[in-house]
Amino acid sequence: MEYGICNLAVIPLRAEPDDRSEQVSQVLFGETFEILEWTERWVKITADVDNYTGWIGRLQFVMLGHVARNTIKQQQPHLTYRAVTQAWKIIDNSVLYLPAGSSLTFLEGTTCRIGNEKFEIIGEIGEKEDVATTAKSFLNAPYLWGGRTHFGIDCSGFTQVVFNLNKVKIKRDASQQALEGKPVNNLKDGRLGDLAFFNNDAGKVIHVGILLNNEHIIHASGKVKIDVIDHEGIYSAEQKRHTHKLHSIRRFF
């Protein structure tokens, strides 16, 4: 087995080995992965954070040894909590702008290490907050298919990152997340941090958001925003109609 680690701020994970292929997710700074296949320009990987599989460019990561990868998985590196954290790359005196949820591997003081590269973290890393505060920090972040950052995020990327910043690991896609946690039978029993899922006419789960209480939900649809939720689903005051049909509610905390 071969392993790698992201040494850039964020890289796209694509469905196929092609620059024009859709972005299905993103790999953040310090996240590790197993390498499944090599081509001339691309590498097929499975991300350790959520077992999601896709393709990344060969020049967008560095190799990682088996022992180092196991150490990272066992120790759970410190995460960045600010929307942007600056990291000074010592070897070439450049700066990376790390998104929230980046992994600061082998952190000693304010210096983290990826392979032979050292990065000095500039300013405060931030610290864990409650789910509502974390979720609201993403308000107005634009919707981006496959996105996982404040600069572009999709509905399940939003729930995954917010949960990850609150020490709860969940899978990548809404349909996968809908199979995790414990069921909540009625919306009236919903509480802060529960995930609400929504389906299309065929019954397939296609959307997810985080309950702030049993009347309001924060979710990524066009942008990250707060809407009203009732037994039918999400009601958009902007559009003056229900936009998403409620499927189920799951509890993770």
Protein backbone atom coordinates (compact mmCIF):
# COMPACT_ATOMS: atom_id res chain seq x y z
CA MET A 1 0.00 0.00 0.00
CA GLU A 2 1.07 3.58 -0.72
CA TYR A 3 -0.12 6.71 1.07
CA GLY A 4 -0.06 10.45 0.55
CA ILE A 5 -0.82 13.68 2.39
CA CYS A 6 -2.07 17.03 1.10
CA ASN A 7 0.57 19.77 1.40
CA LEU A 8 -1.52 22.46 -0.33
CA ALA A 9 -4.33 24.49 1.24
CA VAL A 10 -7.04 22.55 -0.60
CA ILE A 11 -7.14 20.36 -3.71
CA PRO A 12 -10.08 19.17 -5.80
CA LEU A 13 -11.05 15.52 -5.73
CA ARG A 14 -12.46 14.69 -9.16
CA ALA A 15 -14.73 11.94 -10.43
CA GLU A 16 -12.38 11.12 -13.33
CA PRO A 17 -8.69 11.78 -14.11
CA ASP A 18 -9.38 14.93 -16.12
CA ASP A 19 -9.18 18.65 -15.32
CA ARG A 20 -12.67 19.05 -16.79
CA SER A 21 -14.18 16.29 -14.66
CA GLU A 22 -16.60 17.31 -11.91
CA GLN A 23 -15.28 18.01 -8.44
CA VAL A 24 -16.90 15.49 -6.11
CA SER A 25 -15.12 16.62 -2.93
CA GLN A 26 -11.97 18.33 -1.71
CA VAL A 27 -8.88 17.27 0.22
CA LEU A 28 -7.76 19.78 2.84
CA PHE A 29 -4.27 20.59 4.08
CA GLY A 30 -2.83 17.77 6.19
CA GLU A 31 -5.45 15.19 5.26
CA THR A 32 -4.12 11.75 4.39
CA PHE A 33 -5.20 9.14 1.89
CA GLU A 34 -4.46 5.74 0.42
CA ILE A 35 -3.22 5.64 -3.17
CA LEU A 36 -5.10 3.15 -5.34
CA GLU A 37 -3.86 3.83 -8.86
CA TRP A 38 -1.32 5.93 -10.75
CA THR A 39 -1.49 7.47 -14.22
CA GLU A 40 0.90 9.90 -15.90
CA ARG A 41 -0.82 12.99 -14.45
CA TRP A 42 -3.33 11.66 -11.93
CA VAL A 43 -3.62 9.52 -8.81
CA LYS A 44 -6.72 7.69 -7.65
CA ILE A 45 -7.11 7.89 -3.87
CA THR A 46 -9.38 7.03 -0.97
CA ALA A 47 -9.43 9.79 1.65
CA ASP A 48 -8.87 8.69 5.25
CA VAL A 49 -11.27 11.33 6.61
CA ASP A 50 -14.37 9.72 5.06
CA ASN A 51 -13.29 6.85 2.74
CA TYR A 52 -14.31 8.92 -0.28
CA THR A 53 -12.66 7.93 -3.57
CA GLY A 54 -11.65 10.12 -6.49
CA TRP A 55 -8.75 11.50 -8.52
CA ILE A 56 -6.20 14.21 -7.64
CA GLY A 57 -3.28 15.67 -9.58
CA ARG A 58 0.13 13.99 -9.15
CA LEU A 59 1.74 17.33 -8.25
CA GLN A 60 -0.71 18.20 -5.49
CA PHE A 61 0.57 16.08 -2.60
CA VAL A 62 3.62 14.41 -1.09
CA MET A 63 4.13 10.76 -0.26
CA LEU A 64 3.59 9.53 3.30
CA GLY A 65 5.09 6.48 4.96
CA HIS A 66 2.99 3.75 6.52
CA VAL A 67 4.20 4.48 10.07
CA ALA A 68 3.62 8.23 9.76
CA ARG A 69 0.14 7.65 8.36
CA ASN A 70 -0.80 5.33 11.23
CA THR A 71 0.54 7.85 13.75
CA ILE A 72 -1.60 10.61 12.22
CA LYS A 73 -4.71 8.39 12.26
CA GLN A 74 -4.17 7.39 15.89
CA GLN A 75 -3.27 10.81 17.27
CA GLN A 76 -5.94 12.87 15.44
CA PRO A 77 -4.06 16.09 14.57
CA HIS A 78 -5.11 19.54 15.76
CA LEU A 79 -7.54 21.23 13.38
CA THR A 80 -7.75 24.84 12.27
CA TYR A 81 -11.00 26.53 13.30
CA ARG A 82 -10.77 29.95 11.69
CA ALA A 83 -12.18 30.50 8.19
CA VAL A 84 -8.59 31.20 7.09
CA THR A 85 -5.37 30.36 8.93
CA GLN A 86 -2.04 31.47 7.52
CA ALA A 87 0.79 28.95 7.40
CA TRP A 88 4.31 30.12 6.56
CA LYS A 89 6.11 27.50 4.47
CA ILE A 90 9.61 27.85 5.84
CA ILE A 91 11.57 26.23 3.01
CA ASP A 92 10.62 28.83 0.37
CA ASN A 93 9.25 31.67 2.53
CA SER A 94 5.76 31.44 1.00
CA VAL A 95 2.35 31.53 2.71
CA LEU A 96 -0.55 29.09 2.49
CA TYR A 97 -4.08 30.13 3.43
CA LEU A 98 -5.58 27.13 5.17
CA PRO A 99 -9.36 26.57 5.33
CA ALA A 100 -11.18 25.62 8.51
CA GLY A 101 -10.80 21.91 9.25
CA SER A 102 -7.22 21.64 8.00
CA SER A 103 -5.09 19.09 9.88
CA LEU A 104 -1.92 20.36 11.57
CA THR A 105 0.10 17.14 11.50
CA PHE A 106 2.95 16.55 13.94
CA LEU A 107 2.30 19.95 15.53
CA GLU A 108 5.00 21.14 17.95
CA GLY A 109 4.27 24.53 19.42
CA THR A 110 3.22 26.52 16.37
CA THR A 111 5.08 24.44 13.79
CA CYS A 112 3.59 21.50 11.90
CA ARG A 113 5.39 19.11 9.58
CA ILE A 114 4.39 17.37 6.36
CA GLY A 115 7.17 15.12 5.11
CA ASN A 116 10.31 17.24 4.96
CA GLU A 117 8.34 20.49 4.86
CA LYS A 118 7.72 22.63 7.94
CA PHE A 119 4.94 25.18 8.28
CA GLU A 120 4.83 27.90 10.93
CA ILE A 121 1.27 28.77 11.89
CA ILE A 122 0.74 32.54 11.97
CA GLY A 123 -1.68 33.84 14.58
CA GLU A 124 -4.17 31.80 16.57
CA ILE A 125 -5.35 28.39 15.39
CA GLY A 126 -8.71 28.92 17.06
CA GLU A 127 -10.58 26.48 19.25
CA LYS A 128 -13.63 24.23 19.26
CA GLU A 129 -16.97 26.00 19.65
CA ASP A 130 -20.56 24.76 19.85
CA VAL A 131 -22.33 23.45 16.75
CA ALA A 132 -24.48 26.56 16.25
CA THR A 133 -21.51 28.95 16.37
CA THR A 134 -19.46 26.78 14.04
CA ALA A 135 -22.33 26.40 11.57
CA LYS A 136 -23.17 30.12 11.58
CA SER A 137 -19.54 30.98 10.78
CA PHE A 138 -20.30 29.60 7.30
CA LEU A 139 -23.30 31.88 6.70
CA ASN A 140 -23.29 33.29 3.14
CA ALA A 141 -20.59 30.86 1.98
CA PRO A 142 -21.47 30.20 -1.68
CA TYR A 143 -22.76 26.82 -2.76
CA LEU A 144 -20.12 24.80 -4.61
CA TRP A 145 -20.59 21.20 -5.67
CA GLY A 146 -17.95 19.14 -3.88
CA GLY A 147 -16.83 22.11 -1.75
CA ARG A 148 -15.73 21.86 1.89
CA THR A 149 -14.58 25.41 2.75
CA HIS A 150 -15.92 28.89 3.55
CA PHE A 151 -15.14 29.86 -0.04
CA GLY A 152 -17.49 27.26 -1.53
CA ILE A 153 -19.35 24.37 0.04
CA ASP A 154 -22.15 21.93 -0.74
CA CYS A 155 -24.86 20.73 1.63
CA SER A 156 -23.19 17.55 2.86
CA GLY A 157 -19.73 19.11 2.82
CA PHE A 158 -21.16 21.75 5.14
CA THR A 159 -22.58 19.24 7.61
CA GLN A 160 -19.43 17.11 7.45
CA VAL A 161 -17.02 19.99 8.13
CA VAL A 162 -19.15 21.46 10.94
CA PHE A 163 -19.38 18.05 12.59
CA ASN A 164 -15.66 17.38 12.09
CA LEU A 165 -14.87 20.67 13.84
CA ASN A 166 -17.01 19.41 16.72
CA LYS A 167 -15.17 16.05 16.89
CA VAL A 168 -17.86 13.98 15.17
CA LYS A 169 -16.88 12.07 12.02
CA ILE A 170 -19.58 11.51 9.40
CA LYS A 171 -19.49 10.36 5.80
CA ARG A 172 -19.34 12.66 2.76
CA ASP A 173 -22.67 12.46 0.93
CA ALA A 174 -26.16 13.26 2.24
CA SER A 175 -27.43 9.79 1.29
CA GLN A 176 -24.58 8.24 3.30
CA GLN A 177 -25.09 10.52 6.31
CA ALA A 178 -28.80 9.61 6.35
CA LEU A 179 -27.80 6.06 7.32
CA GLU A 180 -25.71 7.19 10.31
CA GLY A 181 -26.65 8.43 13.77
CA LYS A 182 -29.91 7.59 15.55
CA PRO A 183 -33.40 8.30 14.18
CA VAL A 184 -35.53 11.12 15.58
CA ASN A 185 -39.16 10.23 14.96
CA ASN A 186 -40.73 13.69 14.90
CA LEU A 187 -39.56 17.18 14.03
CA LYS A 188 -41.04 18.48 17.30
CA ASP A 189 -38.43 16.33 19.08
CA GLY A 190 -35.62 17.80 17.00
CA ARG A 191 -32.89 19.80 18.71
CA LEU A 192 -29.69 21.70 17.96
CA GLY A 193 -27.20 19.58 16.03
CA ASP A 194 -29.66 17.05 14.58
CA LEU A 195 -29.35 16.53 10.84
CA ALA A 196 -32.48 16.83 8.72
CA PHE A 197 -32.54 15.03 5.37
CA PHE A 198 -34.66 15.76 2.30
CA ASN A 199 -35.63 13.63 -0.66
CA ASN A 200 -36.72 14.02 -4.28
CA ASP A 201 -39.91 12.67 -5.83
CA ALA A 202 -38.26 9.28 -6.26
CA GLY A 203 -37.56 9.09 -2.52
CA LYS A 204 -33.79 9.53 -2.85
CA VAL A 205 -32.04 11.66 -0.21
CA ILE A 206 -30.58 14.66 -2.03
CA HIS A 207 -30.14 17.36 0.64
CA VAL A 208 -29.15 17.78 4.29
CA GLY A 209 -28.97 20.58 6.85
CA ILE A 210 -28.37 21.16 10.55
CA LEU A 211 -31.25 21.92 12.91
CA LEU A 212 -30.75 25.00 15.07
CA ASN A 213 -33.99 24.05 16.85
CA ASN A 214 -37.20 22.33 15.74
CA GLU A 215 -38.27 25.37 13.70
CA HIS A 216 -35.09 26.58 12.01
CA ILE A 217 -32.41 24.92 9.89
CA ILE A 218 -29.05 26.07 8.56
CA HIS A 219 -28.08 24.56 5.23
CA ALA A 220 -26.21 25.16 1.96
CA SER A 221 -28.59 25.90 -0.91
CA GLY A 222 -27.35 28.66 -3.19
CA LYS A 223 -25.43 29.82 -0.14
CA VAL A 224 -25.31 28.82 3.52
CA LYS A 225 -28.45 30.30 5.09
CA ILE A 226 -31.05 29.85 7.81
CA ASP A 227 -34.58 28.88 6.81
CA VAL A 228 -37.78 27.77 8.51
CA ILE A 229 -38.48 24.04 8.70
CA ASP A 230 -41.82 22.34 9.33
CA HIS A 231 -43.30 18.86 8.92
CA GLU A 232 -43.37 19.32 5.12
CA GLY A 233 -39.76 20.44 4.79
CA ILE A 234 -37.81 23.65 4.30
CA TYR A 235 -39.81 26.81 3.69
CA SER A 236 -37.95 29.60 1.90
CA ALA A 237 -39.10 33.09 2.79
CA GLU A 238 -37.22 34.37 -0.27
CA GLN A 239 -39.09 32.08 -2.66
CA LYS A 240 -42.30 31.97 -0.58
CA ARG A 241 -42.62 28.21 -0.97
CA HIS A 242 -41.34 24.88 0.32
CA THR A 243 -38.10 24.06 -1.47
CA HIS A 244 -37.12 20.71 0.09
CA LYS A 245 -39.29 17.76 1.17
CA LEU A 246 -38.50 16.38 4.64
CA HIS A 247 -37.33 12.76 4.61
CA SER A 248 -35.91 12.04 8.07
CA ILE A 249 -33.99 13.38 11.06
CA ARG A 250 -30.91 11.77 12.62
CA ARG A 251 -29.11 12.52 15.89
CA PHE A 252 -25.32 12.36 16.32
CA PHE A 253 -24.69 14.15 19.63
